[in-house]
N, C-alpha and C. Protein backbone atom coordinates (compact mmCIF):
# COMPACT_ATOMS: atom_id res chain seq x y z
N MET A 1 23.53 -33.87 28.95
CA MET A 1 22.33 -33.34 28.36
C MET A 1 21.74 -31.69 28.22
N THR A 2 21.54 -31.21 27.05
CA THR A 2 21.29 -30.54 27.10
C THR A 2 20.23 -29.49 27.61
N THR A 3 20.24 -28.04 28.36
CA THR A 3 19.34 -27.56 28.79
C THR A 3 18.48 -26.55 27.87
N ALA A 4 18.56 -26.68 26.56
CA ALA A 4 17.61 -25.65 25.41
C ALA A 4 16.54 -26.42 25.74
N ARG A 5 15.76 -25.19 25.43
CA ARG A 5 14.16 -26.01 25.21
C ARG A 5 13.55 -24.54 24.04
N TYR A 6 12.54 -26.11 23.25
CA TYR A 6 12.34 -25.77 21.90
C TYR A 6 10.97 -25.96 21.56
N ASP A 7 10.94 -25.39 23.15
CA ASP A 7 8.83 -25.63 22.73
C ASP A 7 8.35 -24.21 22.71
N VAL A 8 8.90 -23.12 22.46
CA VAL A 8 8.56 -22.02 22.44
C VAL A 8 9.43 -20.99 21.48
N ASN A 9 8.40 -20.11 20.42
CA ASN A 9 9.46 -19.60 19.39
C ASN A 9 8.58 -18.22 19.01
N SER A 10 9.44 -17.50 18.08
CA SER A 10 8.97 -16.03 18.15
C SER A 10 7.56 -16.36 17.25
N ALA A 11 7.23 -17.51 16.52
CA ALA A 11 6.37 -16.89 15.41
C ALA A 11 4.98 -17.40 16.12
N ASN A 12 3.84 -16.58 15.14
CA ASN A 12 2.54 -16.50 15.65
C ASN A 12 2.05 -15.90 14.76
N THR A 13 0.57 -16.31 14.54
CA THR A 13 0.24 -15.58 13.37
C THR A 13 -0.47 -14.15 13.20
N ASN A 14 0.04 -13.26 14.16
CA ASN A 14 -0.16 -11.73 14.28
C ASN A 14 0.51 -11.13 13.70
N ARG A 15 1.66 -11.79 13.13
CA ARG A 15 2.67 -11.08 13.19
C ARG A 15 2.36 -10.04 11.81
N GLN A 16 3.16 -8.23 12.05
CA GLN A 16 2.28 -7.27 10.83
C GLN A 16 3.53 -7.10 9.90
N VAL A 17 3.00 -7.04 8.94
CA VAL A 17 3.76 -6.87 7.57
C VAL A 17 3.76 -4.98 7.23
N ARG A 18 4.40 -4.14 7.38
CA ARG A 18 4.46 -2.79 7.24
C ARG A 18 4.86 -2.54 5.62
N PHE A 19 4.12 -1.69 5.23
CA PHE A 19 4.50 -1.15 3.61
C PHE A 19 4.71 0.37 3.63
N SER A 20 5.52 1.45 2.87
CA SER A 20 5.06 2.36 2.89
C SER A 20 4.38 2.83 1.22
N ILE A 21 4.13 3.83 1.63
CA ILE A 21 3.11 4.56 0.10
C ILE A 21 3.99 5.56 0.17
N ALA A 22 4.16 6.37 -0.75
CA ALA A 22 4.86 7.52 -1.49
C ALA A 22 4.73 8.24 -3.07
N ALA A 23 4.77 9.29 -3.30
CA ALA A 23 4.77 9.71 -4.26
C ALA A 23 6.95 8.96 -5.09
N ALA A 24 6.14 8.70 -6.44
CA ALA A 24 7.77 8.22 -6.97
C ALA A 24 8.60 8.99 -6.63
N THR A 25 8.59 10.37 -6.58
CA THR A 25 9.39 11.61 -6.54
C THR A 25 8.89 12.26 -4.88
N PRO A 26 8.92 11.69 -3.96
CA PRO A 26 8.22 11.85 -2.34
C PRO A 26 8.42 13.66 -2.18
N VAL A 27 6.83 13.88 -2.22
CA VAL A 27 6.48 14.95 -2.07
C VAL A 27 5.33 15.09 -0.85
N ALA A 28 5.85 16.99 0.00
CA ALA A 28 4.78 16.70 1.30
C ALA A 28 3.54 16.97 0.92
N ASN A 29 2.60 16.86 1.84
CA ASN A 29 1.28 16.84 1.58
C ASN A 29 0.53 16.01 0.72
N THR A 30 0.71 14.91 0.39
CA THR A 30 0.39 13.86 -0.60
C THR A 30 -1.07 13.33 -0.13
N PHE A 31 -0.81 13.23 1.36
CA PHE A 31 -1.52 12.73 2.67
C PHE A 31 -1.89 13.43 3.50
N LEU A 32 -2.98 13.50 3.85
CA LEU A 32 -3.56 13.94 5.43
C LEU A 32 -4.65 12.79 5.92
N ALA A 33 -4.31 13.17 7.38
CA ALA A 33 -5.58 12.37 8.06
C ALA A 33 -6.40 13.16 9.01
N LEU A 34 -7.50 13.72 8.51
CA LEU A 34 -7.86 14.58 8.87
C LEU A 34 -8.45 14.57 10.43
N LYS A 35 -8.50 13.43 10.80
CA LYS A 35 -9.25 12.86 12.44
C LYS A 35 -8.05 12.89 12.97
N GLY A 36 -6.82 12.67 12.43
CA GLY A 36 -5.52 12.65 13.22
C GLY A 36 -5.10 11.29 13.15
N PRO A 37 -4.27 10.71 14.46
CA PRO A 37 -4.13 9.64 14.11
C PRO A 37 -4.17 8.84 15.20
N ALA A 38 -5.42 8.94 15.46
CA ALA A 38 -6.47 8.24 16.64
C ALA A 38 -7.14 7.90 15.45
N ASN A 39 -7.27 6.25 15.91
CA ASN A 39 -8.67 5.39 14.75
C ASN A 39 -10.15 5.38 15.63
N SER A 40 -10.09 6.02 16.99
CA SER A 40 -11.32 5.91 17.56
C SER A 40 -11.36 7.44 18.22
N TYR A 41 -12.69 7.44 19.09
CA TYR A 41 -12.70 8.67 19.61
C TYR A 41 -11.73 8.76 21.14
N PRO A 42 -11.84 9.49 21.77
CA PRO A 42 -11.73 10.94 21.12
C PRO A 42 -10.58 11.26 19.83
N HIS A 43 -10.54 11.40 18.68
CA HIS A 43 -9.52 11.61 17.82
C HIS A 43 -8.87 12.86 18.06
N TYR A 44 -7.87 12.75 18.91
CA TYR A 44 -6.30 13.52 18.91
C TYR A 44 -5.70 14.20 18.16
N ASN A 45 -5.77 15.36 17.92
CA ASN A 45 -4.48 15.97 16.68
C ASN A 45 -5.41 15.70 15.74
N GLN A 46 -6.94 16.12 15.97
CA GLN A 46 -7.82 16.31 14.61
C GLN A 46 -7.80 17.31 14.38
N LEU A 47 -7.67 17.94 12.69
CA LEU A 47 -8.09 19.47 12.33
C LEU A 47 -8.85 20.06 12.79
N ALA A 48 -8.80 21.39 13.48
CA ALA A 48 -9.91 22.29 14.16
C ALA A 48 -10.67 23.09 12.70
N GLY A 49 -11.75 22.89 12.53
CA GLY A 49 -11.84 24.49 11.73
C GLY A 49 -12.53 23.23 10.28
N VAL A 50 -12.81 24.14 9.63
CA VAL A 50 -13.36 23.22 8.37
C VAL A 50 -11.76 23.01 7.26
N PRO A 51 -11.99 22.08 6.27
CA PRO A 51 -10.70 21.47 6.01
C PRO A 51 -10.89 22.02 4.63
N THR A 52 -9.61 22.64 4.13
CA THR A 52 -9.35 23.60 2.70
C THR A 52 -9.52 22.27 1.83
N VAL A 53 -9.80 22.18 0.53
CA VAL A 53 -9.94 21.78 -0.39
C VAL A 53 -8.16 21.06 -0.92
N GLU A 54 -7.76 21.61 -0.72
CA GLU A 54 -6.52 21.02 -0.20
C GLU A 54 -6.13 19.90 0.48
N GLN A 55 -6.60 19.95 1.69
CA GLN A 55 -6.57 19.17 2.69
C GLN A 55 -7.54 17.62 2.44
N GLU A 56 -8.56 18.51 1.83
CA GLU A 56 -9.56 17.40 1.56
C GLU A 56 -9.19 16.05 0.96
N LEU A 57 -8.22 16.70 -0.20
CA LEU A 57 -7.70 15.94 -1.68
C LEU A 57 -6.69 14.80 -0.83
N GLY A 58 -5.99 15.84 0.42
CA GLY A 58 -5.14 14.86 0.93
C GLY A 58 -5.55 13.79 1.87
N GLN A 59 -6.43 13.91 2.12
CA GLN A 59 -7.65 12.34 2.83
C GLN A 59 -8.10 11.76 2.03
N LEU A 60 -8.63 12.37 0.88
CA LEU A 60 -9.40 11.33 0.07
C LEU A 60 -8.62 10.66 -0.72
N ARG A 61 -6.91 10.57 -0.84
CA ARG A 61 -6.00 10.00 -1.20
C ARG A 61 -5.94 8.92 -0.23
N LEU A 62 -5.77 9.44 1.02
CA LEU A 62 -5.71 8.01 1.68
C LEU A 62 -6.56 7.34 1.98
N SER A 63 -7.75 7.92 2.15
CA SER A 63 -8.89 6.70 1.85
C SER A 63 -8.93 5.80 0.76
N LEU A 64 -8.61 6.48 -0.78
CA LEU A 64 -8.46 5.39 -1.48
C LEU A 64 -7.76 4.46 -1.50
N VAL A 65 -6.01 4.89 -1.00
CA VAL A 65 -5.17 4.31 -1.24
C VAL A 65 -5.34 3.07 -0.76
N SER A 66 -6.04 3.21 0.68
CA SER A 66 -5.81 1.81 1.68
C SER A 66 -6.76 1.78 1.24
N ARG A 67 -8.03 1.29 1.12
CA ARG A 67 -9.28 0.77 0.50
C ARG A 67 -8.72 -0.73 -0.74
N ALA A 68 -7.78 0.39 -1.91
CA ALA A 68 -7.62 -0.26 -3.00
C ALA A 68 -6.57 -1.72 -2.42
N LEU A 69 -5.72 -1.09 -1.26
CA LEU A 69 -4.51 -2.19 -0.52
C LEU A 69 -5.42 -3.13 0.02
N THR A 70 -6.62 -3.17 0.57
CA THR A 70 -7.37 -4.17 1.43
C THR A 70 -7.88 -5.64 0.22
N ALA A 71 -7.54 -5.33 -0.50
CA ALA A 71 -7.90 -6.71 -1.80
C ALA A 71 -7.54 -7.77 -1.03
N TYR A 72 -6.64 -8.19 -0.10
CA TYR A 72 -6.32 -8.93 -0.15
C TYR A 72 -6.00 -9.80 1.84
N ALA A 73 -5.67 -8.35 2.27
CA ALA A 73 -5.85 -8.53 4.15
C ALA A 73 -6.46 -6.86 4.16
N ILE A 74 -7.20 -7.07 5.63
CA ILE A 74 -7.69 -6.11 5.97
C ILE A 74 -6.77 -4.93 6.52
N THR A 75 -6.73 -3.71 6.70
CA THR A 75 -5.99 -2.75 7.50
C THR A 75 -5.96 -2.89 8.99
N VAL A 76 -4.78 -2.88 10.04
CA VAL A 76 -4.74 -2.88 11.29
C VAL A 76 -4.28 -1.92 11.46
N SER A 77 -3.16 -1.41 10.47
CA SER A 77 -2.75 0.25 11.14
C SER A 77 -2.39 1.15 10.04
N LEU A 78 -2.70 2.41 9.90
CA LEU A 78 -2.61 3.07 8.90
C LEU A 78 -1.77 4.55 9.35
N GLN A 79 -1.41 4.64 8.97
CA GLN A 79 -0.22 6.33 9.44
C GLN A 79 0.29 6.90 8.54
N VAL A 80 0.37 8.07 9.06
CA VAL A 80 0.82 8.92 7.73
C VAL A 80 2.12 9.61 8.61
N ASP A 81 3.16 10.29 7.67
CA ASP A 81 4.24 10.77 8.48
C ASP A 81 3.80 12.15 8.87
N ALA A 82 4.56 13.33 9.41
CA ALA A 82 4.42 14.25 9.94
C ALA A 82 4.25 15.10 8.76
N THR A 83 4.77 15.05 7.57
CA THR A 83 4.60 15.93 6.69
C THR A 83 4.14 15.89 5.00
N GLY A 84 2.83 14.43 5.67
CA GLY A 84 2.17 13.90 4.82
C GLY A 84 2.57 13.52 3.54
N THR A 85 4.06 12.96 3.88
CA THR A 85 4.74 12.75 2.33
C THR A 85 4.85 11.06 2.36
N THR A 86 4.55 10.29 3.28
CA THR A 86 4.49 8.64 3.41
C THR A 86 3.44 8.40 4.11
N MET A 87 2.69 7.62 3.77
CA MET A 87 1.56 6.63 4.31
C MET A 87 2.32 5.23 4.97
N PHE A 88 1.97 4.96 5.81
CA PHE A 88 2.05 3.76 6.18
C PHE A 88 1.35 2.32 6.49
N TRP A 89 0.90 1.46 5.86
CA TRP A 89 -0.16 0.33 5.72
C TRP A 89 0.46 -0.71 6.26
N THR A 90 -0.29 -1.20 7.45
CA THR A 90 -0.22 -2.53 8.22
C THR A 90 -0.76 -3.17 8.26
N ALA A 91 -0.59 -4.56 7.66
CA ALA A 91 -1.77 -5.56 7.64
C ALA A 91 -1.15 -7.21 8.71
N GLU A 92 -2.11 -8.07 9.33
CA GLU A 92 -1.70 -9.16 10.00
C GLU A 92 -1.33 -10.29 8.73
N GLN A 93 -0.68 -10.50 8.43
CA GLN A 93 -0.58 -11.14 7.51
C GLN A 93 1.06 -12.14 7.15
N ASP A 94 1.73 -11.84 8.20
CA ASP A 94 2.95 -12.57 7.91
C ASP A 94 3.16 -13.76 8.06
N GLU A 95 1.89 -14.11 8.66
CA GLU A 95 2.20 -16.00 8.55
C GLU A 95 1.09 -16.75 7.76
N MET A 96 0.26 -15.86 6.70
CA MET A 96 -0.49 -16.08 6.12
C MET A 96 -0.42 -16.25 4.73
N GLY A 97 0.47 -15.23 4.18
CA GLY A 97 1.16 -15.49 2.78
C GLY A 97 0.24 -15.06 1.73
N ALA A 98 -0.34 -13.80 2.36
CA ALA A 98 -0.67 -13.07 1.26
C ALA A 98 -0.46 -12.30 0.60
N PHE A 99 1.14 -12.00 0.18
CA PHE A 99 1.87 -11.11 -0.53
C PHE A 99 3.29 -12.17 -1.05
N PHE A 100 3.15 -13.61 -1.39
CA PHE A 100 3.81 -14.36 -0.83
C PHE A 100 4.45 -15.19 -2.20
N ASN A 101 4.96 -15.39 -3.08
CA ASN A 101 4.95 -16.11 -4.35
C ASN A 101 5.80 -17.89 -3.75
N GLN A 102 4.90 -18.65 -3.73
CA GLN A 102 5.54 -19.80 -2.99
C GLN A 102 6.58 -20.87 -4.18
N ALA A 103 7.46 -21.02 -4.52
CA ALA A 103 8.29 -21.63 -5.53
C ALA A 103 7.88 -22.92 -5.37
N LEU A 104 7.92 -23.79 -6.67
CA LEU A 104 8.03 -25.39 -6.60
C LEU A 104 9.23 -25.60 -5.86
N PRO A 105 10.04 -26.77 -5.91
CA PRO A 105 10.49 -27.75 -5.15
C PRO A 105 11.86 -27.98 -6.49
N PRO A 106 13.37 -27.44 -6.56
CA PRO A 106 13.73 -27.60 -5.27
C PRO A 106 13.44 -26.09 -4.93
N LEU A 107 13.71 -25.84 -3.85
CA LEU A 107 13.76 -24.62 -2.89
C LEU A 107 15.14 -24.25 -2.67
N GLY A 108 15.56 -22.59 -2.67
CA GLY A 108 16.60 -22.19 -2.07
C GLY A 108 16.28 -20.80 -1.53
N ALA A 109 17.40 -19.98 -1.55
CA ALA A 109 16.79 -19.02 -0.69
C ALA A 109 17.08 -17.43 -1.74
N THR A 110 16.90 -17.82 -2.94
CA THR A 110 16.58 -16.51 -3.73
C THR A 110 15.42 -15.47 -4.03
N PRO A 111 15.23 -14.50 -3.23
CA PRO A 111 13.99 -13.87 -3.46
C PRO A 111 13.58 -13.89 -5.07
N GLY A 112 11.96 -13.86 -5.28
CA GLY A 112 11.78 -14.02 -6.81
C GLY A 112 12.21 -15.36 -7.69
N VAL A 113 12.96 -15.84 -7.20
CA VAL A 113 13.46 -16.93 -7.99
C VAL A 113 13.39 -18.37 -7.60
N ASP A 114 13.52 -18.65 -6.50
CA ASP A 114 13.50 -19.88 -5.99
C ASP A 114 12.82 -19.40 -4.17
N GLU A 115 12.29 -18.99 -3.73
CA GLU A 115 11.93 -18.24 -2.76
C GLU A 115 10.99 -19.67 -1.71
N SER A 116 11.14 -19.70 -0.41
CA SER A 116 10.44 -20.64 -0.35
C SER A 116 10.18 -20.32 1.33
N TRP A 117 8.78 -20.34 1.62
CA TRP A 117 8.34 -19.68 3.13
C TRP A 117 9.08 -20.25 3.98
N PRO A 118 9.92 -21.61 4.28
CA PRO A 118 10.67 -21.52 5.86
C PRO A 118 12.32 -21.13 5.02
N VAL A 119 12.72 -21.18 4.24
CA VAL A 119 13.76 -20.77 3.56
C VAL A 119 14.13 -19.54 3.07
N THR A 120 12.93 -18.69 2.95
CA THR A 120 13.30 -17.11 2.75
C THR A 120 13.36 -16.65 4.21
N GLY A 121 12.31 -16.69 4.67
CA GLY A 121 11.95 -16.29 6.07
C GLY A 121 11.65 -14.53 5.81
N ASN A 122 12.12 -14.21 6.99
CA ASN A 122 11.57 -12.62 7.43
C ASN A 122 12.13 -11.42 6.05
N THR A 123 12.19 -11.66 4.91
CA THR A 123 13.41 -10.88 4.15
C THR A 123 12.18 -9.98 3.18
N VAL A 124 12.97 -8.75 2.22
CA VAL A 124 12.27 -8.26 1.28
C VAL A 124 11.37 -9.38 0.30
N GLY A 125 12.18 -10.62 0.18
CA GLY A 125 11.43 -12.08 -1.09
C GLY A 125 9.87 -12.19 -0.27
N LYS A 126 10.21 -12.35 0.61
CA LYS A 126 8.85 -12.53 1.23
C LYS A 126 7.62 -12.15 1.09
N HIS A 127 7.31 -10.99 1.24
CA HIS A 127 6.25 -10.13 0.66
C HIS A 127 6.45 -9.22 -0.12
N HIS A 128 5.75 -9.44 -1.36
CA HIS A 128 5.99 -8.80 -2.42
C HIS A 128 5.04 -7.26 -2.17
N VAL A 129 4.99 -6.64 -3.14
CA VAL A 129 4.19 -5.32 -3.93
C VAL A 129 4.38 -5.47 -5.39
N ALA A 130 5.29 -6.90 -6.00
CA ALA A 130 4.65 -7.04 -7.46
C ALA A 130 3.58 -8.01 -7.27
N ASP A 131 3.19 -8.32 -8.63
CA ASP A 131 2.33 -8.90 -9.03
C ASP A 131 2.75 -10.07 -8.56
N ILE A 132 1.29 -11.33 -7.99
CA ILE A 132 1.82 -12.48 -7.08
C ILE A 132 1.65 -13.43 -7.91
N THR A 133 2.74 -14.62 -8.48
CA THR A 133 2.05 -15.89 -9.16
C THR A 133 1.93 -16.84 -8.15
N ASP A 134 0.76 -17.75 -8.73
CA ASP A 134 0.87 -18.92 -7.70
C ASP A 134 1.18 -20.22 -8.66
N ARG A 135 2.61 -20.77 -8.23
CA ARG A 135 2.72 -21.74 -9.19
C ARG A 135 3.25 -22.91 -8.21
N LEU A 136 2.13 -22.77 -7.73
CA LEU A 136 1.43 -23.93 -6.65
C LEU A 136 0.44 -24.83 -6.66
N GLY A 137 -0.82 -23.90 -6.57
CA GLY A 137 -2.21 -24.07 -6.78
C GLY A 137 -2.66 -24.14 -8.09
N THR A 138 -2.23 -24.46 -8.80
CA THR A 138 -2.52 -24.81 -10.74
C THR A 138 -3.88 -25.77 -10.68
N GLY A 139 -3.93 -26.90 -9.53
CA GLY A 139 -4.62 -27.55 -9.67
C GLY A 139 -4.90 -28.43 -11.00
N GLY A 140 -3.97 -28.71 -11.84
CA GLY A 140 -3.89 -29.47 -12.76
C GLY A 140 -3.38 -28.69 -14.14
N MET A 141 -3.62 -27.30 -13.85
CA MET A 141 -3.75 -26.45 -14.73
C MET A 141 -2.20 -26.71 -15.50
N THR A 142 -1.85 -25.89 -17.03
CA THR A 142 -0.93 -25.60 -17.43
C THR A 142 -0.35 -24.07 -17.05
N THR A 143 -1.10 -23.73 -17.21
CA THR A 143 -1.04 -21.94 -17.05
C THR A 143 -1.12 -21.67 -15.44
N ILE A 144 0.30 -21.09 -15.12
CA ILE A 144 0.57 -20.35 -14.05
C ILE A 144 -0.49 -19.12 -13.79
N LYS A 145 -1.22 -18.97 -12.47
CA LYS A 145 -1.82 -17.71 -12.07
C LYS A 145 -1.04 -16.81 -11.89
N THR A 146 -1.81 -15.78 -11.80
CA THR A 146 -1.46 -14.40 -11.58
C THR A 146 -2.20 -13.64 -11.18
N LYS A 147 -1.82 -12.81 -9.73
CA LYS A 147 -3.21 -11.15 -9.44
C LYS A 147 -2.53 -10.75 -9.36
N PRO A 148 -2.96 -9.45 -9.26
CA PRO A 148 -2.25 -8.02 -9.24
C PRO A 148 -1.88 -7.76 -7.54
N GLY A 149 -0.44 -7.72 -7.60
CA GLY A 149 -0.12 -7.70 -6.29
C GLY A 149 -0.08 -6.26 -5.81
N LEU A 150 0.38 -5.54 -4.59
CA LEU A 150 -0.09 -4.15 -4.23
C LEU A 150 0.45 -3.50 -5.04
N GLN A 151 1.35 -3.35 -5.74
CA GLN A 151 1.60 -1.75 -6.53
C GLN A 151 0.41 -1.84 -7.38
N SER A 152 0.33 -3.07 -7.97
CA SER A 152 -0.88 -3.11 -9.06
C SER A 152 -1.95 -2.44 -8.44
N LEU A 153 -2.68 -2.90 -7.05
CA LEU A 153 -3.76 -2.62 -6.71
C LEU A 153 -3.93 -0.84 -7.00
N VAL A 154 -2.77 -0.45 -6.40
CA VAL A 154 -2.53 1.02 -6.34
C VAL A 154 -2.66 1.50 -7.52
N ASN A 155 -1.79 0.93 -8.68
CA ASN A 155 -1.94 1.64 -10.00
C ASN A 155 -3.33 1.79 -10.51
N SER A 156 -4.47 1.00 -10.02
CA SER A 156 -5.50 0.97 -10.79
C SER A 156 -6.25 2.26 -10.10
N LEU A 157 -5.60 2.42 -9.53
CA LEU A 157 -6.33 3.86 -9.35
C LEU A 157 -5.98 5.36 -10.21
N LEU A 158 -5.30 5.18 -10.84
CA LEU A 158 -4.88 5.45 -12.01
C LEU A 158 -6.50 6.62 -12.81
N SER A 159 -7.16 6.01 -12.79
CA SER A 159 -8.40 5.96 -13.59
C SER A 159 -9.46 6.65 -12.55
N VAL A 160 -9.48 7.09 -11.22
CA VAL A 160 -10.35 7.17 -10.12
C VAL A 160 -10.79 9.14 -10.44
N SER A 161 -11.72 9.43 -11.09
CA SER A 161 -12.36 10.92 -11.54
C SER A 161 -13.58 10.74 -11.33
N TYR A 162 -14.13 12.37 -10.73
CA TYR A 162 -15.12 12.61 -9.80
C TYR A 162 -15.46 13.85 -11.42
N ASP A 163 -15.25 13.59 -12.56
CA ASP A 163 -16.08 14.86 -13.80
C ASP A 163 -15.91 14.33 -14.73
N GLY A 164 -15.96 13.00 -14.86
CA GLY A 164 -15.99 12.59 -16.15
C GLY A 164 -14.65 11.80 -16.77
N GLY A 165 -13.50 11.80 -16.08
CA GLY A 165 -12.45 11.68 -16.62
C GLY A 165 -11.60 12.71 -16.92
N THR A 166 -12.02 13.67 -16.28
CA THR A 166 -11.23 14.71 -17.06
C THR A 166 -10.03 14.95 -16.30
N THR A 167 -10.17 15.40 -15.15
CA THR A 167 -9.51 15.25 -14.00
C THR A 167 -9.33 13.92 -12.72
N GLY A 168 -8.30 14.18 -11.94
CA GLY A 168 -8.51 12.85 -10.97
C GLY A 168 -7.44 12.76 -10.00
N PRO A 169 -7.73 12.18 -9.00
CA PRO A 169 -6.47 12.53 -7.67
C PRO A 169 -4.86 11.86 -8.03
N PHE A 170 -5.03 11.39 -9.20
CA PHE A 170 -3.74 10.04 -9.47
C PHE A 170 -3.56 10.05 -10.83
N GLY A 171 -2.24 9.95 -10.61
CA GLY A 171 -1.48 9.75 -12.32
C GLY A 171 -1.47 10.87 -13.16
N LEU A 172 -1.82 10.92 -14.65
CA LEU A 172 -2.14 11.50 -15.53
C LEU A 172 -3.13 12.21 -15.17
N LEU A 173 -4.47 11.99 -14.52
CA LEU A 173 -5.38 13.07 -14.68
C LEU A 173 -4.97 13.85 -13.59
N SER A 174 -4.25 13.79 -12.83
CA SER A 174 -4.25 15.32 -11.65
C SER A 174 -2.99 15.90 -12.25
N ALA A 175 -2.25 15.97 -13.54
CA ALA A 175 -1.13 16.51 -14.26
C ALA A 175 -2.00 17.69 -14.66
N GLY A 176 -2.87 17.91 -14.75
CA GLY A 176 -3.36 19.02 -15.58
C GLY A 176 -3.39 20.60 -14.96
N GLY A 177 -3.21 20.21 -13.32
CA GLY A 177 -3.31 21.71 -13.06
C GLY A 177 -4.57 21.63 -11.83
N THR A 178 -5.04 20.97 -12.04
CA THR A 178 -6.65 21.12 -10.90
C THR A 178 -6.94 19.42 -10.77
N VAL A 179 -7.72 19.50 -9.86
CA VAL A 179 -8.56 18.56 -9.91
C VAL A 179 -9.70 18.07 -9.08
N VAL A 180 -10.85 17.93 -9.80
CA VAL A 180 -12.37 18.25 -9.04
C VAL A 180 -12.53 16.90 -8.17
N LEU A 181 -13.09 17.31 -7.09
CA LEU A 181 -13.30 16.28 -5.91
C LEU A 181 -14.88 16.15 -5.60
N PRO A 182 -15.11 14.96 -5.35
CA PRO A 182 -16.56 14.35 -5.33
C PRO A 182 -17.46 15.20 -5.31
N ASP A 183 -17.41 16.23 -4.49
CA ASP A 183 -18.42 17.28 -4.15
C ASP A 183 -18.52 18.53 -4.99
N GLY A 184 -17.52 18.76 -5.77
CA GLY A 184 -17.70 19.86 -7.06
C GLY A 184 -16.35 20.98 -6.96
N ARG A 185 -16.17 20.69 -5.73
CA ARG A 185 -15.50 21.83 -5.29
C ARG A 185 -13.67 21.42 -6.74
N VAL A 186 -12.72 22.64 -6.72
CA VAL A 186 -11.62 22.39 -7.47
C VAL A 186 -10.97 22.48 -6.92
N VAL A 187 -9.83 21.59 -6.73
CA VAL A 187 -8.01 21.96 -5.74
C VAL A 187 -7.30 22.24 -7.26
N THR A 188 -6.87 23.47 -7.10
CA THR A 188 -5.82 23.52 -7.82
C THR A 188 -4.18 23.01 -7.36
N THR A 189 -3.48 22.50 -8.17
CA THR A 189 -2.20 21.58 -7.68
C THR A 189 -1.10 22.51 -7.45
N GLY A 190 -0.60 22.05 -6.08
CA GLY A 190 0.82 22.60 -6.15
C GLY A 190 1.27 22.10 -4.85
N ALA A 191 2.57 23.37 -3.65
CA ALA A 191 2.73 22.77 -2.88
C ALA A 191 1.85 22.05 -2.10
N ALA A 192 0.72 22.51 -1.80
CA ALA A 192 -0.17 21.86 -0.67
C ALA A 192 -1.21 21.15 -0.84
N ALA A 193 -1.30 20.78 -2.67
CA ALA A 193 -1.81 19.87 -2.77
C ALA A 193 -1.10 19.30 -3.90
N PRO A 194 0.06 18.19 -4.31
CA PRO A 194 0.57 18.03 -5.06
C PRO A 194 -0.01 16.77 -6.22
N ALA A 195 0.30 17.66 -7.37
CA ALA A 195 -0.01 16.19 -8.12
C ALA A 195 0.82 15.03 -8.32
N LEU A 196 0.26 14.35 -8.78
CA LEU A 196 0.56 12.64 -8.69
C LEU A 196 1.03 12.36 -10.11
N PRO A 197 2.22 12.76 -11.00
CA PRO A 197 2.46 12.16 -12.42
C PRO A 197 2.52 11.10 -12.60
N VAL A 198 2.63 10.06 -13.90
CA VAL A 198 2.99 9.14 -13.98
C VAL A 198 4.41 8.70 -13.71
N ALA A 199 4.97 8.10 -12.90
CA ALA A 199 6.76 7.53 -13.31
C ALA A 199 6.65 6.52 -13.49
N GLY A 200 7.22 6.16 -14.93
CA GLY A 200 7.39 4.61 -15.30
C GLY A 200 5.95 3.61 -15.07
N ALA A 201 6.43 2.69 -14.14
CA ALA A 201 5.59 1.93 -14.23
C ALA A 201 4.49 2.02 -12.85
N PHE A 202 4.66 2.95 -12.44
CA PHE A 202 3.72 3.57 -11.09
C PHE A 202 2.72 4.53 -12.07
N THR A 203 1.52 4.36 -12.48
CA THR A 203 1.04 4.71 -13.20
C THR A 203 -0.17 6.06 -12.51
N ALA A 204 0.01 5.59 -11.25
CA ALA A 204 -0.96 6.00 -10.32
C ALA A 204 -0.30 7.40 -9.46
N GLY A 205 1.44 7.57 -9.82
CA GLY A 205 2.23 8.02 -9.21
C GLY A 205 2.62 8.09 -7.74
N LEU A 206 2.07 6.65 -7.76
CA LEU A 206 2.59 6.28 -6.03
C LEU A 206 3.27 5.08 -6.21
N GLU A 207 4.49 4.46 -5.29
CA GLU A 207 5.16 3.58 -5.37
C GLU A 207 5.11 3.40 -4.23
N VAL A 208 4.90 1.49 -4.15
CA VAL A 208 4.77 1.22 -2.91
C VAL A 208 5.62 0.74 -2.53
N THR A 209 6.30 0.37 -1.49
CA THR A 209 7.59 -0.47 -0.75
C THR A 209 7.49 -1.01 0.66
N TRP A 210 8.23 -2.67 0.36
CA TRP A 210 8.04 -3.19 1.54
C TRP A 210 8.72 -2.55 2.72
N VAL A 211 8.29 -2.29 4.21
CA VAL A 211 9.47 -1.96 5.07
C VAL A 211 9.93 -2.93 5.77
N ASN A 212 9.06 -3.35 6.66
CA ASN A 212 9.45 -4.59 7.65
C ASN A 212 8.54 -5.54 8.20
N VAL A 213 8.60 -6.61 9.00
CA VAL A 213 7.84 -7.24 9.95
C VAL A 213 7.79 -6.85 11.00
N GLY A 214 6.72 -6.53 11.63
CA GLY A 214 6.88 -6.09 13.26
C GLY A 214 6.43 -7.39 13.94
């Protein structure tokens, strides 16, 4: 008789899925959290004094990207690395499947081709950054439904502008040498406030990458 027990495992509904967002060619000072790493008072390591326009741009980008990513899941963790190069966005979606493509039978284990929730497991194929295709819930329709994935949600920021479309924090609008902030002040792009030029499919200048399941 076996002594193995099968009544407990490691699965639960609160496992977190983590993604990184950085410029297509990563560069420092892309993002900044003016209040520091704490999400509630006291805000330790917050910026002392009045922020510069370059710092305001870093915070603006962090805020806009995090809002764009929450179309399908709320943010449970938002972090910026020490150099402001990369932001890490986390949602409690491992068991929910907000970023998953479920294939029709027969099921295999090839991500993006014949993946399945129980077969694919915790791999990069389970949580997509590309557009998400619904191949099961078509409801008798012959047309497969597709919704924007995380990369497309970030790409949609390419048109954000506070001066009528002349400049903006992302993509082509950021590549002209200056960016106008919501309050009308002007940022000159450079090392302290890098531009985010279009890079192939990354039209807002930012690439979303799956990191892990925690």
